[in-house]
Amino acid sequence: MSATGIEARATPAAAGSEAGQNLRGFIFVAAFLLVWISTGPFKGSYEVPNEDTANVINQLSFSLIAVLGIASAALSGGRAAQAYLRPSWILLITWMTIGVIQSANSDVSMRAFRFTLVVLVIAGSVMLLPQGRRHFASLIGTASLIVVLICYAGLVIYPDIAVHSAGDALEPEHAGAWRGLFDHKNIAGAMMVVFVLIGIFVTTTSPRLGWALAGLATVFLFFTGSKTSMGLGPFVVLVGLACARIRSLWLRALLALGPLALLLTATIGSVLFKSIDTALQALSPGQTFTGRTEIWKFALDRLWNRPILGYGFEGFWRSDYVMFADIGEGETGIAQGMVHGHSGYVDLAIGLGVPGLMLGLIVLILLPLRDHHRVLPTPENKALAELFFRIWLFCVYSACLESFFFRRADPVWFALLVSVIGLRLTSRYRVTP
């Protein structure tokens, strides 16, 4: 939110012209639509995207939005951008740069890193544009509803793409699952949860818009068949409500991060420790998290060859280390066809090494939790912080089974990034109504 919308010492929102406010609102909505819809929706291909092919329209679109966002934020004040200057972020980006230089797949790493930086700039700048809580709710609700309606339109216009079919070469078992404009039902499911959470927030200022968004997203979520998202959605709402009423940072951390620790123990822990896998198999015989355990083991076995620097930012998957790896005993070779590790935490480690993983956990897990604890005690700040906190919770839990941390313009990553930035801003500056 802009200097007039979020900074306690800024000039009143009324001081800005109506035309300027409309322009800032347009840029805000355009940025979210660009990331969430992309310049190539309804591709219908998740595992083999053509990410390495230069897309001039894509590059121009994101660059333009980044420039417009920075310019608008600067013209409207933008002093809240000082909140972004955190040593941990600077260290992480520096470490990522080092990883790009020594990457096992330097060309891919460099392109991915540049794109990721542009998205970071877009998220940071557009969050300074809304003129307060109501303006933010109107803009984010409108952008979200547009995306959901396009997903529904795709069911009619592009039924063979907007719905998984038995003809999908890689995952025919998902036939009938809705995915809308997104590449995969799991991305669609995660985004629908995000839209439901946004809808709940919007009901406090615009009930019709909020309930329409939440209702449509809930129905779409059900037909994605994404069990993880359907299970986590209600859970994060309950955890968010409980955390908002706990004053102790340590108790809040236990309640918020306890489930994350359990998820990581059951997933990654079952690969690292035989005893955990034995207990997991006793509870759920044959559990492989849809083949993910083989992918995680493949990646982690190779992490120990380069534990400090890793393989470079997005430099592991699709590299020679993967494509021409020997298939070991008990392996099916599924890892050789992956473009990511189906775990944000595994990919942080394999791409940036153990130090990069630690920095990533500080930036994405520990600092947002502390920011939520320090949110300014005003109704507007609390309302926004609860939205950001719930989205943050959902994303960090989901990352145990999906990989989107720092993943260019991934829609779920952008939702998480905006939430991390939002929690920082609401902990430092007062939001206007």
Protein backbone atom coordinates (compact mmCIF):
# COMPACT_ATOMS: atom_id res chain seq x y z
CA MET A 1 0.00 0.00 0.00
CA SER A 2 1.20 3.44 -0.88
CA ALA A 3 2.63 6.09 1.34
CA THR A 4 -0.84 7.57 1.59
CA GLY A 5 -2.41 4.23 2.33
CA ILE A 6 -0.03 2.52 4.70
CA GLU A 7 2.40 4.95 6.29
CA ALA A 8 1.38 6.49 9.56
CA ARG A 9 3.20 9.74 8.85
CA ALA A 10 2.11 10.18 5.23
CA THR A 11 -0.19 12.71 3.66
CA PRO A 12 -3.92 11.89 3.54
CA ALA A 13 -5.18 9.79 0.63
CA ALA A 14 -7.45 12.65 -0.40
CA ALA A 15 -4.40 14.65 -1.37
CA GLY A 16 -3.80 12.42 -4.39
CA SER A 17 -5.77 13.04 -7.54
CA GLU A 18 -8.58 10.68 -8.52
CA ALA A 19 -6.84 10.04 -11.82
CA GLY A 20 -3.64 9.07 -10.02
CA GLN A 21 -5.51 6.72 -7.71
CA ASN A 22 -7.25 5.10 -10.67
CA LEU A 23 -3.91 4.64 -12.44
CA ARG A 24 -2.37 3.04 -9.37
CA GLY A 25 -5.37 0.76 -9.06
CA PHE A 26 -5.11 -0.22 -12.73
CA ILE A 27 -1.42 -1.07 -12.38
CA PHE A 28 -2.11 -3.11 -9.24
CA VAL A 29 -4.84 -5.20 -10.90
CA ALA A 30 -2.83 -5.54 -14.11
CA ALA A 31 0.16 -6.86 -12.17
CA PHE A 32 -1.86 -9.53 -10.40
CA LEU A 33 -3.64 -10.55 -13.60
CA LEU A 34 -0.34 -10.78 -15.47
CA VAL A 35 1.20 -13.10 -12.89
CA TRP A 36 -1.90 -15.15 -12.10
CA ILE A 37 -3.12 -15.52 -15.68
CA SER A 38 0.25 -15.17 -17.48
CA THR A 39 0.69 -14.28 -21.14
CA GLY A 40 0.02 -17.89 -22.12
CA PRO A 41 -2.90 -19.36 -20.16
CA PHE A 42 -4.60 -22.66 -20.98
CA LYS A 43 -1.35 -24.34 -22.04
CA GLY A 44 -2.47 -27.65 -20.62
CA SER A 45 1.07 -28.83 -19.97
CA TYR A 46 2.54 -28.91 -16.49
CA GLU A 47 5.53 -31.21 -16.47
CA VAL A 48 7.10 -30.14 -19.76
CA PRO A 49 6.70 -26.35 -20.05
CA ASN A 50 8.72 -24.53 -22.66
CA GLU A 51 10.34 -22.26 -20.08
CA ASP A 52 13.68 -21.99 -21.85
CA THR A 53 12.24 -20.45 -25.01
CA ALA A 54 12.53 -16.68 -25.10
CA ASN A 55 9.11 -15.10 -24.95
CA VAL A 56 9.31 -11.49 -26.07
CA ILE A 57 5.71 -10.68 -25.09
CA ASN A 58 6.28 -12.18 -21.66
CA GLN A 59 9.50 -10.24 -21.09
CA LEU A 60 8.02 -6.97 -22.28
CA SER A 61 4.85 -7.39 -20.22
CA PHE A 62 6.63 -8.10 -16.95
CA SER A 63 9.26 -5.42 -17.55
CA LEU A 64 6.56 -2.83 -18.31
CA ILE A 65 4.57 -3.65 -15.18
CA ALA A 66 7.76 -3.51 -13.09
CA VAL A 67 8.65 -0.05 -14.43
CA LEU A 68 5.08 1.25 -14.02
CA GLY A 69 4.89 -0.15 -10.52
CA ILE A 70 8.14 1.48 -9.44
CA ALA A 71 7.21 4.81 -11.03
CA SER A 72 3.73 4.88 -9.48
CA ALA A 73 5.00 3.88 -6.06
CA ALA A 74 7.68 6.57 -6.21
CA LEU A 75 5.24 9.28 -7.32
CA SER A 76 2.78 8.39 -4.56
CA GLY A 77 5.41 8.57 -1.82
CA GLY A 78 6.66 5.03 -1.44
CA ARG A 79 8.64 5.61 1.76
CA ALA A 80 7.34 2.26 3.00
CA ALA A 81 9.77 0.61 0.56
CA GLN A 82 12.42 1.20 3.23
CA ALA A 83 10.87 -1.72 5.08
CA TYR A 84 12.22 -4.04 2.39
CA LEU A 85 15.86 -3.33 3.24
CA ARG A 86 16.40 -6.36 5.45
CA PRO A 87 19.89 -7.88 5.80
CA SER A 88 18.46 -11.38 5.42
CA TRP A 89 16.95 -10.57 2.03
CA ILE A 90 20.18 -8.93 0.86
CA LEU A 91 22.20 -11.95 1.99
CA LEU A 92 19.82 -14.37 0.30
CA ILE A 93 19.85 -12.53 -3.03
CA THR A 94 23.65 -12.29 -2.83
CA TRP A 95 23.86 -16.04 -2.20
CA MET A 96 21.49 -16.70 -5.10
CA THR A 97 23.75 -14.59 -7.32
CA ILE A 98 26.75 -16.68 -6.32
CA GLY A 99 24.71 -19.78 -7.08
CA VAL A 100 23.90 -18.50 -10.55
CA ILE A 101 27.58 -17.87 -11.29
CA GLN A 102 28.62 -21.41 -10.34
CA SER A 103 25.41 -23.13 -11.49
CA ALA A 104 25.45 -26.57 -13.06
CA ASN A 105 23.13 -25.12 -15.70
CA SER A 106 24.23 -21.47 -15.87
CA ASP A 107 22.11 -20.31 -18.84
CA VAL A 108 18.89 -21.59 -17.28
CA SER A 109 19.87 -20.23 -13.86
CA MET A 110 20.60 -16.76 -15.22
CA ARG A 111 17.30 -16.48 -17.10
CA ALA A 112 15.35 -17.78 -14.12
CA PHE A 113 17.15 -15.44 -11.73
CA ARG A 114 16.51 -12.35 -13.87
CA PHE A 115 12.83 -13.21 -14.16
CA THR A 116 12.57 -13.88 -10.43
CA LEU A 117 14.11 -10.49 -9.64
CA VAL A 118 11.61 -8.75 -11.92
CA VAL A 119 8.74 -10.48 -10.10
CA LEU A 120 10.22 -9.45 -6.75
CA VAL A 121 10.27 -5.85 -7.96
CA ILE A 122 6.67 -6.08 -9.19
CA ALA A 123 5.41 -7.49 -5.89
CA GLY A 124 7.32 -4.94 -3.83
CA SER A 125 6.16 -1.96 -5.86
CA VAL A 126 2.49 -2.82 -6.38
CA MET A 127 1.98 -3.43 -2.68
CA LEU A 128 2.67 0.28 -2.18
CA LEU A 129 -0.09 1.39 -4.54
CA PRO A 130 -3.48 0.82 -2.80
CA GLN A 131 -4.80 3.76 -0.81
CA GLY A 132 -5.89 1.88 2.28
CA ARG A 133 -7.75 -1.23 3.39
CA ARG A 134 -10.94 -0.67 1.36
CA HIS A 135 -9.03 0.20 -1.78
CA PHE A 136 -6.81 -2.86 -1.39
CA ALA A 137 -9.84 -5.12 -0.80
CA SER A 138 -11.60 -3.77 -3.88
CA LEU A 139 -8.54 -4.21 -6.09
CA ILE A 140 -7.48 -7.66 -4.89
CA GLY A 141 -11.08 -8.88 -4.91
CA THR A 142 -11.62 -7.64 -8.48
CA ALA A 143 -8.40 -9.22 -9.76
CA SER A 144 -9.20 -12.51 -8.06
CA LEU A 145 -12.76 -12.65 -9.36
CA ILE A 146 -11.55 -12.01 -12.92
CA VAL A 147 -9.15 -14.96 -12.68
CA VAL A 148 -11.84 -17.27 -11.28
CA LEU A 149 -14.35 -16.26 -13.95
CA ILE A 150 -11.76 -16.91 -16.69
CA CYS A 151 -11.19 -20.36 -15.18
CA TYR A 152 -14.93 -21.06 -15.44
CA ALA A 153 -15.05 -19.66 -18.97
CA GLY A 154 -12.28 -22.07 -19.92
CA LEU A 155 -14.49 -25.01 -19.01
CA VAL A 156 -16.78 -23.96 -21.86
CA ILE A 157 -14.33 -22.48 -24.36
CA TYR A 158 -11.39 -24.86 -23.85
CA PRO A 159 -12.88 -27.95 -22.18
CA ASP A 160 -10.09 -30.26 -23.38
CA ILE A 161 -7.47 -28.01 -21.77
CA ALA A 162 -9.27 -26.54 -18.74
CA VAL A 163 -10.05 -30.09 -17.57
CA HIS A 164 -7.48 -32.85 -17.29
CA SER A 165 -8.21 -35.60 -19.80
CA ALA A 166 -7.31 -39.26 -20.14
CA GLY A 167 -5.18 -38.21 -23.09
CA ASP A 168 -2.69 -36.37 -20.87
CA ALA A 169 0.60 -38.03 -21.72
CA LEU A 170 2.10 -37.74 -18.25
CA GLU A 171 -0.81 -37.93 -15.81
CA PRO A 172 -3.89 -39.58 -17.35
CA GLU A 173 -5.03 -40.54 -13.85
CA HIS A 174 -6.16 -36.94 -13.30
CA ALA A 175 -8.82 -37.17 -16.03
CA GLY A 176 -11.86 -35.07 -15.14
CA ALA A 177 -10.09 -32.82 -12.66
CA TRP A 178 -10.61 -29.11 -13.29
CA ARG A 179 -7.54 -26.91 -13.76
CA GLY A 180 -8.96 -23.86 -15.52
CA LEU A 181 -6.31 -21.57 -16.98
CA PHE A 182 -3.59 -23.11 -14.80
CA ASP A 183 -1.17 -25.83 -15.86
CA HIS A 184 -2.18 -28.43 -13.30
CA LYS A 185 -5.01 -29.26 -10.93
CA ASN A 186 -2.73 -28.85 -7.91
CA ILE A 187 -1.88 -25.28 -8.91
CA ALA A 188 -5.56 -24.58 -9.58
CA GLY A 189 -6.52 -26.08 -6.22
CA ALA A 190 -3.93 -24.02 -4.34
CA MET A 191 -4.98 -20.82 -6.08
CA MET A 192 -8.65 -21.46 -5.35
CA VAL A 193 -7.81 -21.68 -1.65
CA VAL A 194 -5.99 -18.36 -1.96
CA PHE A 195 -9.07 -16.88 -3.66
CA VAL A 196 -11.36 -18.22 -0.94
CA LEU A 197 -9.16 -16.58 1.71
CA ILE A 198 -9.19 -13.32 -0.25
CA GLY A 199 -12.96 -13.59 -0.62
CA ILE A 200 -13.41 -13.98 3.13
CA PHE A 201 -11.32 -10.85 3.67
CA VAL A 202 -13.21 -8.86 1.02
CA THR A 203 -16.57 -9.63 2.70
CA THR A 204 -15.62 -7.19 5.47
CA THR A 205 -15.74 -4.27 3.03
CA SER A 206 -17.77 -5.56 0.06
CA PRO A 207 -19.97 -8.53 1.07
CA ARG A 208 -21.37 -9.26 -2.39
CA LEU A 209 -18.00 -9.30 -4.10
CA GLY A 210 -16.42 -11.26 -1.27
CA TRP A 211 -19.05 -13.98 -1.01
CA ALA A 212 -19.30 -14.34 -4.80
CA LEU A 213 -15.54 -14.83 -5.00
CA ALA A 214 -15.38 -17.24 -2.06
CA GLY A 215 -18.36 -19.26 -3.30
CA LEU A 216 -17.16 -19.61 -6.90
CA ALA A 217 -13.63 -20.48 -5.79
CA THR A 218 -14.92 -23.10 -3.33
CA VAL A 219 -16.92 -24.88 -6.02
CA PHE A 220 -13.98 -24.84 -8.42
CA LEU A 221 -11.67 -26.10 -5.66
CA PHE A 222 -13.94 -29.11 -5.10
CA PHE A 223 -13.81 -30.11 -8.76
CA THR A 224 -10.02 -29.83 -8.95
CA GLY A 225 -9.87 -32.90 -6.75
CA SER A 226 -6.85 -31.43 -4.97
CA LYS A 227 -7.12 -33.18 -1.62
CA THR A 228 -4.14 -31.39 -0.10
CA SER A 229 -5.60 -27.94 -0.81
CA MET A 230 -9.09 -28.94 0.32
CA GLY A 231 -7.67 -30.23 3.59
CA LEU A 232 -5.31 -27.35 4.26
CA GLY A 233 -7.78 -24.57 3.44
CA PRO A 234 -10.08 -24.92 6.49
CA PHE A 235 -7.09 -25.85 8.67
CA VAL A 236 -5.18 -22.62 8.01
CA VAL A 237 -8.30 -20.57 8.75
CA LEU A 238 -8.57 -22.24 12.17
CA VAL A 239 -4.86 -21.88 12.88
CA GLY A 240 -4.97 -18.25 11.76
CA LEU A 241 -7.89 -17.50 14.07
CA ALA A 242 -6.11 -19.14 16.99
CA CYS A 243 -2.78 -17.39 16.35
CA ALA A 244 -4.50 -14.01 16.20
CA ARG A 245 -5.65 -14.51 19.78
CA ILE A 246 -2.31 -15.62 21.20
CA ARG A 247 -0.01 -12.92 22.54
CA SER A 248 3.06 -15.07 23.17
CA LEU A 249 5.39 -15.27 20.17
CA TRP A 250 6.61 -18.70 21.27
CA LEU A 251 3.11 -20.15 21.57
CA ARG A 252 2.18 -18.61 18.24
CA ALA A 253 5.27 -20.12 16.67
CA LEU A 254 4.43 -23.52 18.15
CA LEU A 255 0.89 -23.40 16.81
CA ALA A 256 1.87 -22.14 13.35
CA LEU A 257 5.10 -24.04 12.80
CA GLY A 258 4.25 -27.24 14.69
CA PRO A 259 2.10 -28.58 11.80
CA LEU A 260 4.83 -27.55 9.34
CA ALA A 261 7.40 -29.51 11.34
CA LEU A 262 5.11 -32.54 11.33
CA LEU A 263 4.57 -32.28 7.58
CA LEU A 264 8.30 -31.99 6.90
CA THR A 265 8.99 -34.92 9.22
CA ALA A 266 6.44 -37.13 7.48
CA THR A 267 7.57 -36.13 3.98
CA ILE A 268 11.28 -35.28 3.77
CA GLY A 269 11.96 -37.03 7.09
CA SER A 270 10.72 -40.33 5.70
CA VAL A 271 13.44 -40.12 3.03
CA LEU A 272 16.24 -39.08 5.38
CA PHE A 273 15.51 -41.41 8.30
CA LYS A 274 14.59 -45.08 8.06
CA SER A 275 12.81 -45.04 11.43
CA ILE A 276 10.44 -42.31 10.26
CA ASP A 277 9.71 -44.17 7.04
CA THR A 278 9.00 -47.34 9.04
CA ALA A 279 6.52 -45.47 11.24
CA LEU A 280 4.92 -43.84 8.18
CA GLN A 281 4.53 -47.17 6.39
CA ALA A 282 2.94 -48.66 9.52
CA LEU A 283 0.37 -45.87 9.52
CA SER A 284 -0.09 -45.73 5.73
CA PRO A 285 1.31 -48.81 3.94
CA GLY A 286 2.86 -48.06 0.57
CA GLN A 287 2.83 -44.29 1.11
CA THR A 288 5.09 -42.51 -1.39
CA PHE A 289 3.24 -39.17 -1.62
CA THR A 290 2.35 -39.93 -5.25
CA GLY A 291 5.88 -40.98 -6.15
CA ARG A 292 7.49 -37.93 -4.56
CA THR A 293 9.69 -39.88 -2.15
CA GLU A 294 11.76 -41.26 -5.04
CA ILE A 295 12.20 -37.73 -6.42
CA TRP A 296 13.25 -36.37 -3.03
CA LYS A 297 15.70 -39.22 -2.43
CA PHE A 298 17.19 -38.72 -5.89
CA ALA A 299 17.78 -35.02 -5.20
CA LEU A 300 19.00 -35.34 -1.61
CA ASP A 301 21.43 -38.13 -2.49
CA ARG A 302 23.09 -35.71 -4.92
CA LEU A 303 22.91 -32.71 -2.58
CA TRP A 304 25.68 -34.18 -0.44
CA ASN A 305 28.05 -33.87 -3.43
CA ARG A 306 27.62 -30.06 -3.35
CA PRO A 307 26.18 -29.27 0.11
CA ILE A 308 27.46 -25.69 0.42
CA LEU A 309 26.66 -24.00 -2.89
CA GLY A 310 24.21 -26.54 -4.29
CA TYR A 311 23.68 -26.81 -8.02
CA GLY A 312 22.73 -23.18 -8.61
CA PHE A 313 19.40 -21.39 -8.70
CA GLU A 314 17.08 -23.66 -10.72
CA GLY A 315 20.24 -25.29 -12.04
CA PHE A 316 19.64 -28.91 -11.04
CA TRP A 317 16.56 -30.28 -12.75
CA ARG A 318 16.98 -30.67 -16.51
CA SER A 319 20.78 -30.56 -16.08
CA ASP A 320 23.11 -33.38 -17.11
CA TYR A 321 23.26 -34.40 -13.45
CA VAL A 322 19.61 -35.42 -13.77
CA MET A 323 19.03 -36.19 -17.43
CA PHE A 324 21.93 -38.65 -17.69
CA ALA A 325 21.94 -40.00 -14.16
CA ASP A 326 22.15 -43.74 -13.69
CA ILE A 327 18.90 -45.30 -12.53
CA GLY A 328 19.63 -46.92 -9.20
CA GLU A 329 18.25 -50.07 -7.69
CA GLY A 330 14.62 -49.63 -6.71
CA GLU A 331 14.26 -46.45 -8.80
CA THR A 332 11.87 -46.05 -11.71
CA GLY A 333 13.64 -43.13 -13.39
CA ILE A 334 10.77 -40.76 -12.63
CA ALA A 335 13.20 -38.07 -11.42
CA GLN A 336 14.78 -37.73 -14.85
CA GLY A 337 11.53 -36.28 -16.19
CA MET A 338 11.03 -33.66 -13.48
CA VAL A 339 11.39 -29.89 -13.85
CA HIS A 340 11.35 -29.40 -10.07
CA GLY A 341 11.48 -31.52 -6.94
CA HIS A 342 7.83 -31.30 -5.84
CA SER A 343 9.00 -29.79 -2.55
CA GLY A 344 9.94 -26.18 -2.07
CA TYR A 345 12.30 -27.09 0.77
CA VAL A 346 14.13 -29.76 -1.23
CA ASP A 347 14.54 -27.38 -4.17
CA LEU A 348 15.88 -24.61 -1.93
CA ALA A 349 18.50 -27.00 -0.62
CA ILE A 350 19.45 -28.58 -3.95
CA GLY A 351 19.59 -25.20 -5.71
CA LEU A 352 21.22 -23.01 -3.05
CA GLY A 353 22.91 -25.51 -0.75
CA VAL A 354 22.38 -25.85 2.99
CA PRO A 355 23.31 -22.18 3.73
CA GLY A 356 20.83 -21.05 1.07
CA LEU A 357 18.15 -23.25 2.61
CA MET A 358 18.78 -21.66 6.02
CA LEU A 359 18.57 -18.15 4.56
CA GLY A 360 15.40 -19.08 2.70
CA LEU A 361 13.78 -20.38 5.88
CA ILE A 362 14.66 -17.16 7.69
CA VAL A 363 13.21 -14.97 4.93
CA LEU A 364 10.09 -17.02 4.18
CA ILE A 365 9.28 -18.63 7.53
CA LEU A 366 10.79 -16.98 10.60
CA LEU A 367 10.65 -13.28 9.71
CA PRO A 368 7.01 -13.30 8.48
CA LEU A 369 5.98 -15.03 11.71
CA ARG A 370 7.74 -12.35 13.76
CA ASP A 371 6.19 -9.62 11.59
CA HIS A 372 2.74 -11.06 12.27
CA HIS A 373 3.48 -10.90 15.98
CA ARG A 374 4.45 -7.23 15.62
CA VAL A 375 1.50 -6.06 13.50
CA LEU A 376 0.31 -2.63 14.60
CA PRO A 377 -2.84 -2.96 16.76
CA THR A 378 -5.29 -1.10 14.52
CA PRO A 379 -8.42 -2.70 12.99
CA GLU A 380 -7.15 -2.08 9.46
CA ASN A 381 -3.70 -3.52 10.11
CA LYS A 382 -5.10 -6.57 11.88
CA ALA A 383 -7.59 -7.31 9.10
CA LEU A 384 -4.94 -7.15 6.39
CA ALA A 385 -2.43 -9.07 8.49
CA GLU A 386 -4.89 -11.93 9.03
CA LEU A 387 -5.38 -12.28 5.27
CA PHE A 388 -1.63 -12.29 4.66
CA PHE A 389 -1.01 -14.68 7.56
CA ARG A 390 -3.53 -17.24 6.32
CA ILE A 391 -2.17 -17.17 2.78
CA TRP A 392 1.36 -17.43 4.19
CA LEU A 393 0.41 -20.42 6.33
CA PHE A 394 -1.27 -22.20 3.43
CA CYS A 395 1.69 -21.66 1.12
CA VAL A 396 4.43 -22.76 3.52
CA TYR A 397 2.43 -25.90 4.35
CA SER A 398 1.75 -26.60 0.67
CA ALA A 399 5.45 -26.25 -0.13
CA CYS A 400 6.04 -29.59 1.62
CA LEU A 401 4.48 -31.27 -1.44
CA GLU A 402 4.85 -28.64 -4.18
CA SER A 403 7.76 -26.51 -5.37
CA PHE A 404 7.20 -22.79 -5.94
CA PHE A 405 9.64 -20.89 -3.70
CA PHE A 406 11.30 -18.17 -5.83
CA ARG A 407 9.94 -19.89 -8.92
CA ARG A 408 9.81 -16.99 -11.37
CA ALA A 409 6.15 -16.00 -11.92
CA ASP A 410 4.48 -19.04 -10.36
CA PRO A 411 1.02 -17.86 -9.20
CA VAL A 412 1.28 -19.55 -5.80
CA TRP A 413 4.75 -18.08 -5.27
CA PHE A 414 3.43 -14.61 -6.05
CA ALA A 415 0.64 -15.07 -3.50
CA LEU A 416 3.21 -16.10 -0.88
CA LEU A 417 5.55 -13.24 -1.81
CA VAL A 418 2.78 -10.66 -1.53
CA SER A 419 1.83 -12.09 1.87
CA VAL A 420 5.41 -11.91 3.16
CA ILE A 421 5.65 -8.29 2.00
CA GLY A 422 2.22 -7.49 3.40
CA LEU A 423 3.09 -8.82 6.84
CA ARG A 424 6.24 -6.70 6.85
CA LEU A 425 4.37 -3.55 5.89
CA THR A 426 1.53 -4.02 8.39
CA SER A 427 4.10 -4.49 11.15
CA ARG A 428 5.77 -1.18 10.35
CA TYR A 429 3.14 1.26 9.04
CA ARG A 430 -0.43 2.11 9.88
CA VAL A 431 -2.99 1.27 7.20
CA THR A 432 -5.73 3.80 6.50
CA PRO A 433 -9.38 2.64 6.30
